[in-house]
């Protein structure tokens, strides 16, 4: 196993409900359940105090929660989350934490039912799902939500994958565009207009103005407003034209999470391969060992694209339903 995924601490079941505090332990920033509030930049420390105790699941990174307009609440010291602008309709409920997990799950499922939504929790981390399974909940793995994890060292050697089409793709691109350039910059220093223009071009060529594209566009705009120095962008240029970009966040434990990555495939079929290879080389030089490329959302094309880069592991997530009623 590349990530420790120990079961939640048993003694935490007796912890009294407390609002989540920031690391200074004196400023209350997250409201107590059942009240939710939209996530704000000032909530970062409070959120990360909880989620950094777990493997780096993409859904629970502060950047992802903020970009996708998550609403948050403190429930028994756990972080309860409602994704307001994720790809699901109606909004999805989930949580992460170590305290009174069974009671937390029951209360969130009851809230979903009271709101006339399906009584289901999504993207529940594996270690929490394991405990809920033992408590009698109906738990199923959600393959479409599992995060793909890669060895950065392995990705950085893609040009040496003998016989693999990715290797050939990289060499063809480099031969055709020997003067291509790569630019690295913190998120706050990029030319946001050219990144927006490439996103718009990708959307136009992909699916036009579908609801999924609209959701992602709003998330991308919020992402661009983040000023975190741990978030960096990689741009691929040919003749000063941006033809691909990726962005990553450095996480504790020598791991990076990719957030937004877009390319102009019409320019050359190998744009994505050369971009991912260059990004991996950069991360490898920085001492990053693992790369979380988020989930595939059940999209077959995205799944094939992620699988061709040979993931070394998955961060597994589960869907949770209420325990079945006992027969009368």
Protein backbone atom coordinates (compact mmCIF):
# COMPACT_ATOMS: atom_id res chain seq x y z
CA UNK A 1 0.00 0.00 0.00
CA UNK A 2 1.33 3.42 -0.91
CA UNK A 3 -0.87 5.25 1.57
CA UNK A 4 -1.55 4.37 5.16
CA UNK A 5 -5.30 4.03 5.57
CA UNK A 6 -5.65 3.04 9.19
CA UNK A 7 -9.11 2.65 10.62
CA UNK A 8 -10.52 5.64 12.48
CA UNK A 9 -9.40 5.88 16.08
CA UNK A 10 -11.82 3.93 18.25
CA UNK A 11 -11.51 6.26 21.23
CA UNK A 12 -12.80 9.13 19.08
CA UNK A 13 -16.32 7.63 19.25
CA UNK A 14 -16.75 9.22 22.67
CA UNK A 15 -15.67 12.72 21.67
CA UNK A 16 -18.36 15.32 22.27
CA UNK A 17 -19.54 17.38 19.29
CA UNK A 18 -17.28 20.41 18.85
CA UNK A 19 -17.12 22.99 16.07
CA UNK A 20 -14.02 22.56 13.93
CA UNK A 21 -11.42 25.13 14.93
CA UNK A 22 -8.53 26.55 13.03
CA UNK A 23 -5.00 25.57 14.05
CA UNK A 24 -4.76 28.44 16.50
CA UNK A 25 -7.55 26.72 18.45
CA UNK A 26 -9.32 29.95 19.32
CA UNK A 27 -11.29 31.02 16.25
CA UNK A 28 -14.49 29.23 15.33
CA UNK A 29 -14.82 29.16 11.56
CA UNK A 30 -17.07 26.22 10.63
CA UNK A 31 -20.75 26.21 11.73
CA UNK A 32 -22.22 23.34 13.72
CA UNK A 33 -24.51 20.87 11.92
CA UNK A 34 -27.21 21.16 10.64
CA UNK A 35 -26.06 24.62 9.56
CA UNK A 36 -23.88 24.70 6.42
CA UNK A 37 -22.01 27.61 4.92
CA UNK A 38 -20.19 28.15 1.61
CA UNK A 39 -16.48 27.47 1.96
CA UNK A 40 -14.34 30.58 2.15
CA UNK A 41 -10.60 31.13 1.79
CA UNK A 42 -10.36 31.86 5.51
CA UNK A 43 -11.51 28.28 6.24
CA UNK A 44 -8.39 26.63 4.81
CA UNK A 45 -6.63 25.89 8.12
CA UNK A 46 -9.77 24.46 9.72
CA UNK A 47 -10.44 22.16 6.75
CA UNK A 48 -6.85 21.00 6.38
CA UNK A 49 -6.59 20.22 10.10
CA UNK A 50 -9.12 17.45 9.39
CA UNK A 51 -8.34 16.26 5.86
CA UNK A 52 -4.56 16.15 6.21
CA UNK A 53 -5.01 13.30 8.69
CA UNK A 54 -6.09 11.15 5.72
CA UNK A 55 -4.48 10.16 2.42
CA UNK A 56 -4.80 12.99 -0.12
CA UNK A 57 -8.24 12.26 -1.56
CA UNK A 58 -8.82 14.78 -4.33
CA UNK A 59 -12.42 15.53 -3.35
CA UNK A 60 -11.40 16.71 0.12
CA UNK A 61 -8.47 18.93 -0.79
CA UNK A 62 -9.27 22.50 0.17
CA UNK A 63 -8.63 23.62 -3.40
CA UNK A 64 -11.17 21.20 -4.81
CA UNK A 65 -13.76 22.03 -2.14
CA UNK A 66 -13.37 25.74 -2.77
CA UNK A 67 -13.38 25.54 -6.57
CA UNK A 68 -16.51 23.37 -6.66
CA UNK A 69 -18.48 25.64 -4.27
CA UNK A 70 -18.68 23.16 -1.42
CA UNK A 71 -20.69 23.99 1.68
CA UNK A 72 -19.33 22.76 4.99
CA UNK A 73 -20.48 21.98 8.51
CA UNK A 74 -18.95 20.57 11.69
CA UNK A 75 -20.61 17.33 12.80
CA UNK A 76 -19.13 15.62 15.87
CA UNK A 77 -15.76 17.11 15.00
CA UNK A 78 -15.93 15.73 11.45
CA UNK A 79 -16.09 17.83 8.30
CA UNK A 80 -19.49 17.40 6.64
CA UNK A 81 -19.59 18.54 3.01
CA UNK A 82 -22.32 19.33 0.53
CA UNK A 83 -21.11 19.84 -3.03
CA UNK A 84 -23.24 22.62 -4.46
CA UNK A 85 -21.75 22.64 -7.95
CA UNK A 86 -20.31 19.17 -8.42
CA UNK A 87 -21.44 16.98 -11.29
CA UNK A 88 -24.25 15.33 -9.35
CA UNK A 89 -27.86 16.41 -9.16
CA UNK A 90 -29.08 16.85 -6.53
CA UNK A 91 -26.06 18.07 -4.51
CA UNK A 92 -24.03 15.33 -2.86
CA UNK A 93 -23.44 14.86 0.84
CA UNK A 94 -20.25 13.37 2.24
CA UNK A 95 -17.95 13.64 5.25
CA UNK A 96 -14.44 12.98 6.50
CA UNK A 97 -13.09 12.65 10.02
CA UNK A 98 -12.46 10.24 12.89
CA UNK A 99 -15.26 10.90 15.37
CA UNK A 100 -18.57 9.11 15.98
CA UNK A 101 -18.70 7.94 12.40
CA UNK A 102 -21.83 5.82 12.60
CA UNK A 103 -23.85 8.62 14.18
CA UNK A 104 -22.43 11.11 11.68
CA UNK A 105 -23.45 8.93 8.73
CA UNK A 106 -26.97 8.43 10.11
CA UNK A 107 -27.50 12.16 10.63
CA UNK A 108 -26.32 13.05 7.13
CA UNK A 109 -28.49 10.35 5.57
CA UNK A 110 -31.46 11.65 7.54
CA UNK A 111 -30.75 15.16 6.27
CA UNK A 112 -30.69 13.94 2.68
CA UNK A 113 -34.02 12.19 3.16
CA UNK A 114 -35.56 15.26 4.83
CA UNK A 115 -34.50 17.37 1.84
CA UNK A 116 -36.28 14.88 -0.47
CA UNK A 117 -32.94 13.78 -1.91
CA UNK A 118 -31.75 10.19 -2.27
CA UNK A 119 -30.55 8.94 1.11
CA UNK A 120 -26.98 8.35 0.02
CA UNK A 121 -23.50 9.55 0.92
CA UNK A 122 -20.87 9.76 -1.82
CA UNK A 123 -17.06 9.66 -2.07
CA UNK A 124 -16.66 8.21 1.42
CA UNK A 125 -12.97 7.30 2.05
CA UNK A 126 -12.16 3.61 2.25
CA UNK A 127 -11.21 3.51 5.92
CA UNK A 128 -14.51 5.16 6.93
CA UNK A 129 -16.49 2.94 4.58
CA UNK A 130 -14.92 -0.14 6.16
CA UNK A 131 -16.16 0.86 9.61
CA UNK A 132 -19.64 1.70 8.30
CA UNK A 133 -19.81 -1.69 6.61
CA UNK A 134 -19.17 -3.37 9.96
CA UNK A 135 -21.94 -1.22 11.45
CA UNK A 136 -24.46 -2.60 8.94
CA UNK A 137 -24.64 0.18 6.36
CA UNK A 138 -25.02 -0.71 2.70
CA UNK A 139 -21.66 0.21 1.16
CA UNK A 140 -20.58 -0.12 -2.48
CA UNK A 141 -17.34 0.93 -4.14
CA UNK A 142 -17.74 3.74 -6.67
CA UNK A 143 -15.23 2.96 -9.40
CA UNK A 144 -15.97 6.23 -11.16
CA UNK A 145 -14.92 8.19 -8.06
CA UNK A 146 -11.65 6.41 -7.27
CA UNK A 147 -8.55 8.60 -7.55
CA UNK A 148 -5.82 7.46 -9.92
CA UNK A 149 -2.37 7.51 -8.28
CA UNK A 150 0.86 7.37 -10.29
CA UNK A 151 4.55 7.04 -9.57
CA UNK A 152 6.10 10.35 -10.60
CA UNK A 153 9.39 8.63 -11.37
CA UNK A 154 7.59 6.22 -13.70
CA UNK A 155 5.77 9.03 -15.51
CA UNK A 156 9.01 10.97 -15.88
CA UNK A 157 10.44 8.03 -17.84
CA UNK A 158 7.57 7.79 -20.36
CA UNK A 159 9.97 8.57 -23.19
CA UNK A 160 11.65 5.23 -22.38
CA UNK A 161 8.51 3.07 -22.32
CA UNK A 162 9.67 0.79 -25.10
CA UNK A 163 6.88 -0.24 -27.45
CA UNK A 164 4.28 1.95 -25.72
CA UNK A 165 2.38 4.40 -27.92
CA UNK A 166 2.94 7.17 -25.34
CA UNK A 167 6.67 6.89 -25.95
CA UNK A 168 6.16 7.14 -29.71
CA UNK A 169 3.78 10.07 -29.24
CA UNK A 170 6.32 12.04 -27.22
CA UNK A 171 9.05 11.45 -29.78
CA UNK A 172 6.82 12.41 -32.71
CA UNK A 173 5.79 15.65 -31.04
CA UNK A 174 9.37 16.56 -30.13
CA UNK A 175 10.55 15.81 -33.67
CA UNK A 176 7.83 17.95 -35.23
CA UNK A 177 8.11 20.82 -32.71
CA UNK A 178 11.72 20.76 -31.45
CA UNK A 179 11.49 24.32 -30.16
CA UNK A 180 8.49 23.79 -27.90
CA UNK A 181 8.83 25.39 -24.48
CA UNK A 182 7.55 24.68 -20.99
CA UNK A 183 6.81 27.43 -18.48
CA UNK A 184 6.29 26.86 -14.77
CA UNK A 185 4.71 29.51 -12.58
CA UNK A 186 2.76 29.83 -9.34
CA UNK A 187 -0.95 30.17 -9.98
CA UNK A 188 -1.06 33.84 -9.08
CA UNK A 189 1.60 34.65 -11.70
CA UNK A 190 0.08 33.05 -14.81
CA UNK A 191 -1.54 34.88 -17.70
CA UNK A 192 -5.12 34.02 -16.81
CA UNK A 193 -6.46 35.31 -20.13
CA UNK A 194 -4.52 32.77 -22.20
CA UNK A 195 -5.48 29.97 -19.81
CA UNK A 196 -9.14 31.00 -20.06
CA UNK A 197 -8.88 31.11 -23.85
CA UNK A 198 -7.51 27.57 -24.00
CA UNK A 199 -10.21 26.33 -21.61
CA UNK A 200 -12.85 27.91 -23.87
CA UNK A 201 -11.31 26.33 -26.97
CA UNK A 202 -11.22 22.92 -25.27
CA UNK A 203 -14.87 23.28 -24.21
CA UNK A 204 -15.95 24.29 -27.72
CA UNK A 205 -14.25 21.29 -29.28
CA UNK A 206 -15.31 18.89 -26.54
CA UNK A 207 -18.99 19.26 -25.88
CA UNK A 208 -19.97 22.85 -26.44
CA UNK A 209 -22.06 24.20 -23.56
CA UNK A 210 -23.19 21.01 -21.81
CA UNK A 211 -24.12 21.25 -18.09
CA UNK A 212 -20.93 19.41 -17.17
CA UNK A 213 -18.80 21.96 -19.04
CA UNK A 214 -20.69 24.82 -17.37
CA UNK A 215 -20.07 23.35 -13.90
CA UNK A 216 -16.39 22.90 -14.64
CA UNK A 217 -16.07 26.39 -16.07
CA UNK A 218 -17.42 27.94 -12.88
CA UNK A 219 -15.05 25.78 -10.83
CA UNK A 220 -12.12 26.81 -13.02
CA UNK A 221 -12.91 30.51 -12.54
CA UNK A 222 -12.95 30.08 -8.76
CA UNK A 223 -9.74 28.08 -8.96
CA UNK A 224 -8.01 30.95 -10.75
CA UNK A 225 -8.80 33.23 -7.80
CA UNK A 226 -6.83 31.08 -5.37
CA UNK A 227 -3.53 32.59 -4.31
CA UNK A 228 -2.01 29.51 -2.68
CA UNK A 229 1.74 29.33 -3.21
CA UNK A 230 1.50 25.51 -3.20
CA UNK A 231 -0.47 25.58 -6.46
CA UNK A 232 1.55 25.83 -9.66
CA UNK A 233 0.78 25.76 -13.37
CA UNK A 234 2.67 24.15 -16.23
CA UNK A 235 2.17 25.62 -19.70
CA UNK A 236 3.16 24.00 -23.01
CA UNK A 237 3.92 26.50 -25.78
CA UNK A 238 4.73 26.26 -29.48
CA UNK A 239 5.73 29.54 -31.15
CA UNK A 240 4.53 31.44 -28.07
CA UNK A 241 1.08 29.86 -28.36
CA UNK A 242 -0.32 28.04 -25.33
CA UNK A 243 -1.49 24.61 -26.50
CA UNK A 244 -1.75 22.83 -23.15
CA UNK A 245 -1.71 23.52 -19.45
CA UNK A 246 -1.89 21.57 -16.22
CA UNK A 247 -1.99 22.66 -12.61
CA UNK A 248 -0.93 20.83 -9.49
CA UNK A 249 -0.97 21.33 -5.75
CA UNK A 250 1.83 20.15 -3.50
CA UNK A 251 0.43 18.14 -0.60
CA UNK A 252 1.99 16.78 2.60
CA UNK A 253 3.89 13.54 2.09
CA UNK A 254 5.63 14.26 -1.23
CA UNK A 255 2.37 14.00 -3.20
CA UNK A 256 0.89 16.31 -5.83
CA UNK A 257 -2.76 16.52 -6.85
CA UNK A 258 -3.61 17.67 -10.36
CA UNK A 259 -6.56 20.01 -10.56
CA UNK A 260 -7.26 21.44 -14.00
CA UNK A 261 -5.54 20.22 -17.15
CA UNK A 262 -6.59 21.16 -20.70
CA UNK A 263 -5.01 20.72 -24.12
CA UNK A 264 -5.62 21.60 -27.75
CA UNK A 265 -5.61 18.07 -29.19
CA UNK A 266 -6.42 19.45 -32.63
CA UNK A 267 -2.95 20.99 -32.69
CA UNK A 268 -1.29 17.59 -32.28
CA UNK A 269 -2.48 14.27 -30.89
CA UNK A 270 0.55 14.10 -28.59
CA UNK A 271 -0.07 17.37 -26.74
CA UNK A 272 -1.38 15.61 -23.62
CA UNK A 273 1.45 13.10 -23.56
CA UNK A 274 4.23 15.68 -23.87
CA UNK A 275 2.56 17.91 -21.27
CA UNK A 276 2.16 15.10 -18.74
CA UNK A 277 5.72 13.94 -19.32
CA UNK A 278 7.17 17.42 -18.83
CA UNK A 279 5.08 17.97 -15.72
CA UNK A 280 6.24 14.63 -14.28
CA UNK A 281 9.88 15.51 -14.93
CA UNK A 282 9.41 18.81 -13.13
CA UNK A 283 7.74 17.13 -10.15
CA UNK A 284 10.40 14.42 -10.00
CA UNK A 285 13.11 17.07 -9.84
CA UNK A 286 11.19 18.68 -6.96
CA UNK A 287 11.24 15.43 -4.97
CA UNK A 288 7.54 14.61 -5.46
CA UNK A 289 6.99 10.84 -5.56
CA UNK A 290 3.24 10.35 -6.11
CA UNK A 291 0.78 12.05 -8.40
CA UNK A 292 -2.99 12.00 -7.80
CA UNK A 293 -4.84 12.56 -11.08
CA UNK A 294 -8.31 12.54 -9.55
CA UNK A 295 -11.21 10.35 -10.73
CA UNK A 296 -12.57 9.50 -14.18
CA UNK A 297 -16.24 10.30 -13.37
CA UNK A 298 -17.29 7.15 -15.21
CA UNK A 299 -16.41 8.71 -18.58
CA UNK A 300 -14.99 5.96 -20.78
CA UNK A 301 -12.67 8.23 -22.74
CA UNK A 302 -11.25 9.75 -19.57
CA UNK A 303 -10.81 6.30 -18.05
CA UNK A 304 -8.85 5.09 -21.06
CA UNK A 305 -6.70 8.19 -20.99
CA UNK A 306 -5.85 7.75 -17.32
CA UNK A 307 -5.21 4.01 -17.60
CA UNK A 308 -2.69 4.39 -20.43
CA UNK A 309 -0.35 6.17 -18.00
CA UNK A 310 -0.22 3.04 -15.83
CA UNK A 311 -1.45 4.02 -12.34
CA UNK A 312 0.32 2.31 -9.47
CA UNK A 313 -2.56 2.61 -7.01
CA UNK A 314 -6.07 3.96 -6.44
CA UNK A 315 -7.53 5.92 -3.55
CA UNK A 316 -10.84 4.11 -3.27
CA UNK A 317 -14.12 5.80 -2.40
CA UNK A 318 -17.52 4.38 -1.57
CA UNK A 319 -21.22 5.14 -1.74
CA UNK A 320 -23.10 4.61 1.52
CA UNK A 321 -26.81 3.91 2.03
CA UNK A 322 -28.65 3.57 5.32
CA UNK A 323 -28.66 0.10 6.93
CA UNK A 324 -31.59 -2.02 5.68
CA UNK A 325 -34.50 -2.20 8.08
CA UNK A 326 -34.79 -5.30 10.16
CA UNK A 327 -37.85 -7.43 9.29
CA UNK A 328 -40.81 -6.90 11.60
